[in-house]
Amino acid sequence: MSDFISVSSFTRLMHPCLTGLVTCCDVDGKPNIITIAWMTPVSVNPPLLCISVTPARYSFDLIRAAGEFVVNIAPYQIAGQALLCGRRSGRDENKFEAAGLMAKPAQRVRPPIIAECVAHVECRLVNDVEAGDHHLFIGEALAAYARADALNEKGMYDLARTRLLFHVGGDVFTTTSASGEAIALPPDE
């Protein structure tokens, strides 16, 4: 027999999820970072991906106003910075400075990429769908690229060389070992 959990906690059954540090900027170009685990590709042709953001987040209004964002795929080495970017608000501080992350120019959009991340998908917002207490921001991928050492010859992540960051829930993250086994990471690593 299965154990039941609170329906409001159903999202925990969907984790761990790949962690993205989504960059966006205000109309003047001031950048911000939001940590997102609720993201997924939704179409190949045209190339679309979706991120889920609550209207309470500072980045919500930035993405809506500027119409662009970048999904930066985080490696496990920056778990602490990802946690910081998820806990704090860009209304109050510059998260690039607070987290010690480096902004670099993107290829096709105004929001920067995060140099410490292993891959980047630059998006133009094409749809905003209200979905309960979150909105689904659907972006068309205008550019997608990864560090040369992150991918194997088939264009997939080489897990022997690239350890990705996965969000388990709350302040808990994990990654895989080179053999593919999951290993736990403390929140401050």
Protein backbone atom coordinates (compact mmCIF):
# COMPACT_ATOMS: atom_id res chain seq x y z
CA MET A 1 0.00 0.00 0.00
CA SER A 2 1.24 3.48 -0.82
CA ASP A 3 1.60 6.30 1.66
CA PHE A 4 -0.42 9.41 0.96
CA ILE A 5 1.05 12.88 1.19
CA SER A 6 -0.66 16.24 1.29
CA VAL A 7 -1.87 17.16 -2.18
CA SER A 8 -0.23 20.56 -1.67
CA SER A 9 3.11 18.71 -1.49
CA PHE A 10 2.65 16.80 -4.77
CA THR A 11 5.49 18.77 -6.37
CA ARG A 12 7.99 16.88 -4.18
CA LEU A 13 7.04 13.73 -6.09
CA MET A 14 8.26 15.40 -9.29
CA HIS A 15 11.76 16.15 -7.96
CA PRO A 16 14.71 16.11 -8.25
CA CYS A 17 14.66 18.64 -11.08
CA LEU A 18 17.49 20.19 -13.03
CA THR A 19 18.32 23.59 -11.57
CA GLY A 20 18.39 26.66 -13.76
CA LEU A 21 19.57 30.12 -12.87
CA VAL A 22 17.34 32.27 -15.02
CA THR A 23 18.66 35.70 -15.86
CA CYS A 24 16.48 38.61 -16.80
CA CYS A 25 16.83 42.39 -16.72
CA ASP A 26 14.79 45.51 -16.27
CA VAL A 27 14.10 47.90 -19.15
CA ASP A 28 17.33 49.78 -18.32
CA GLY A 29 19.37 46.57 -18.56
CA LYS A 30 19.94 46.00 -14.80
CA PRO A 31 20.27 42.19 -14.51
CA ASN A 32 18.72 39.80 -12.01
CA ILE A 33 18.87 36.07 -11.30
CA ILE A 34 16.05 33.75 -10.20
CA THR A 35 16.62 30.10 -9.31
CA ILE A 36 14.14 27.86 -11.13
CA ALA A 37 13.60 24.10 -10.95
CA TRP A 38 10.21 24.12 -12.67
CA MET A 39 11.28 24.32 -16.31
CA THR A 40 10.82 22.07 -19.31
CA PRO A 41 11.05 21.97 -23.10
CA VAL A 42 7.57 22.14 -24.62
CA SER A 43 8.24 22.12 -28.40
CA VAL A 44 11.03 21.29 -30.82
CA ASN A 45 9.57 23.12 -33.82
CA PRO A 46 9.43 25.94 -32.98
CA PRO A 47 11.99 25.54 -30.18
CA LEU A 48 10.07 26.46 -27.02
CA LEU A 49 10.74 26.03 -23.33
CA CYS A 50 8.66 26.88 -20.30
CA ILE A 51 9.57 28.20 -16.88
CA SER A 52 7.14 28.56 -13.99
CA VAL A 53 7.32 31.80 -11.98
CA THR A 54 5.06 33.15 -9.25
CA PRO A 55 3.94 36.80 -9.59
CA ALA A 56 5.39 37.51 -6.13
CA ARG A 57 8.93 37.19 -7.49
CA TYR A 58 10.80 40.31 -8.62
CA SER A 59 11.85 38.52 -11.83
CA PHE A 60 8.21 38.00 -12.80
CA ASP A 61 7.72 41.67 -13.70
CA LEU A 62 11.17 41.93 -15.29
CA ILE A 63 10.53 39.02 -17.66
CA ARG A 64 7.10 40.36 -18.58
CA ALA A 65 8.36 43.89 -19.24
CA ALA A 66 11.56 43.03 -21.11
CA GLY A 67 10.17 39.95 -22.88
CA GLU A 68 13.45 38.05 -22.66
CA PHE A 69 15.25 35.65 -20.33
CA VAL A 70 18.14 33.18 -20.31
CA VAL A 71 18.02 29.73 -18.74
CA ASN A 72 21.54 29.04 -17.42
CA ILE A 73 22.11 25.40 -16.41
CA ALA A 74 23.89 25.24 -13.07
CA PRO A 75 26.69 22.81 -12.18
CA TYR A 76 26.78 21.31 -8.68
CA GLN A 77 29.79 23.46 -7.80
CA ILE A 78 27.54 26.53 -7.46
CA ALA A 79 24.82 24.99 -5.28
CA GLY A 80 25.41 27.62 -2.59
CA GLN A 81 25.05 30.47 -5.08
CA ALA A 82 21.90 28.89 -6.54
CA LEU A 83 20.40 28.70 -3.06
CA LEU A 84 21.30 32.34 -2.38
CA CYS A 85 19.72 33.45 -5.67
CA GLY A 86 16.55 31.56 -4.77
CA ARG A 87 16.28 32.92 -1.24
CA ARG A 88 17.01 36.61 -1.83
CA SER A 89 15.28 39.25 -3.91
CA GLY A 90 16.81 41.35 -6.65
CA ARG A 91 14.60 44.18 -5.40
CA ASP A 92 17.00 44.48 -2.46
CA GLU A 93 20.42 43.64 -3.88
CA ASN A 94 22.46 42.76 -6.93
CA LYS A 95 22.47 38.95 -6.89
CA PHE A 96 25.45 38.71 -9.24
CA GLU A 97 27.53 40.58 -6.65
CA ALA A 98 25.99 38.84 -3.63
CA ALA A 99 26.55 35.37 -5.11
CA GLY A 100 29.94 36.15 -6.64
CA LEU A 101 28.76 35.15 -10.11
CA MET A 102 30.06 36.67 -13.36
CA ALA A 103 27.69 38.14 -15.94
CA LYS A 104 28.74 37.88 -19.58
CA PRO A 105 26.91 39.22 -22.63
CA ALA A 106 24.41 36.87 -24.22
CA GLN A 107 24.45 36.33 -27.99
CA ARG A 108 20.85 37.27 -28.91
CA VAL A 109 19.10 38.81 -25.87
CA ARG A 110 19.76 41.61 -23.36
CA PRO A 111 19.85 39.56 -20.13
CA PRO A 112 23.37 38.25 -19.52
CA ILE A 113 24.51 34.67 -19.22
CA ILE A 114 26.18 33.36 -16.07
CA ALA A 115 29.80 32.44 -16.79
CA GLU A 116 29.89 29.72 -14.10
CA CYS A 117 27.00 27.80 -15.69
CA VAL A 118 27.59 24.94 -18.13
CA ALA A 119 24.89 25.73 -20.70
CA HIS A 120 22.62 28.58 -21.75
CA VAL A 121 19.33 28.90 -23.62
CA GLU A 122 18.49 32.45 -24.66
CA CYS A 123 14.76 33.05 -25.00
CA ARG A 124 12.26 35.58 -26.25
CA LEU A 125 8.98 35.46 -24.33
CA VAL A 126 6.19 34.32 -26.66
CA ASN A 127 3.44 33.37 -24.22
CA ASP A 128 2.42 33.99 -20.62
CA VAL A 129 -0.13 31.52 -19.27
CA GLU A 130 -1.69 31.95 -15.85
CA ALA A 131 -1.58 28.60 -14.07
CA GLY A 132 -2.90 28.87 -10.52
CA ASP A 133 -0.42 30.63 -8.23
CA HIS A 134 2.28 30.64 -10.96
CA HIS A 135 2.54 31.76 -14.57
CA LEU A 136 4.07 29.66 -17.32
CA PHE A 137 6.49 31.84 -19.27
CA ILE A 138 7.00 30.18 -22.64
CA GLY A 139 10.10 31.31 -24.44
CA GLU A 140 11.29 30.70 -27.96
CA ALA A 141 14.91 29.57 -27.89
CA LEU A 142 16.93 32.01 -30.01
CA ALA A 143 20.33 30.57 -29.10
CA ALA A 144 21.45 27.47 -27.20
CA TYR A 145 25.02 26.53 -26.33
CA ALA A 146 27.17 24.75 -23.76
CA ARG A 147 30.78 24.63 -22.65
CA ALA A 148 32.77 22.42 -25.00
CA ASP A 149 33.73 20.02 -22.20
CA ALA A 150 30.14 19.64 -20.93
CA LEU A 151 28.78 17.53 -23.80
CA ASN A 152 29.72 14.20 -25.32
CA GLU A 153 29.94 13.40 -29.03
CA LYS A 154 26.15 12.81 -29.13
CA GLY A 155 25.42 16.30 -27.78
CA MET A 156 24.29 15.02 -24.37
CA TYR A 157 25.80 15.97 -21.03
CA ASP A 158 28.95 13.99 -20.30
CA LEU A 159 28.25 13.03 -16.68
CA ALA A 160 31.83 11.89 -16.14
CA ARG A 161 32.96 15.50 -16.70
CA THR A 162 29.86 17.57 -15.96
CA ARG A 163 28.03 17.26 -12.67
CA LEU A 164 24.70 19.06 -12.93
CA LEU A 165 22.77 20.55 -10.01
CA PHE A 166 19.38 19.04 -9.20
CA HIS A 167 16.88 20.51 -6.73
CA VAL A 168 15.36 17.90 -4.41
CA GLY A 169 13.13 20.31 -2.47
CA GLY A 170 13.48 23.09 0.08
CA ASP A 171 17.18 23.78 0.57
CA VAL A 172 18.30 20.32 -0.60
CA PHE A 173 20.23 19.72 -3.82
CA THR A 174 21.87 16.68 -5.34
CA THR A 175 23.98 15.70 -8.30
CA THR A 176 25.15 12.50 -9.94
CA SER A 177 28.53 10.86 -9.63
CA ALA A 178 30.52 10.00 -12.72
CA SER A 179 28.90 6.57 -12.54
CA GLY A 180 25.43 8.12 -12.52
CA GLU A 181 24.69 7.54 -8.82
CA ALA A 182 22.92 10.35 -6.97
CA ILE A 183 24.90 11.97 -4.17
CA ALA A 184 23.55 14.45 -1.63
CA LEU A 185 24.96 17.95 -1.32
CA PRO A 186 24.67 20.10 1.75
CA PRO A 187 22.97 23.45 1.06
CA ASP A 188 26.16 25.45 1.63
CA GLU A 189 28.40 23.51 -0.76
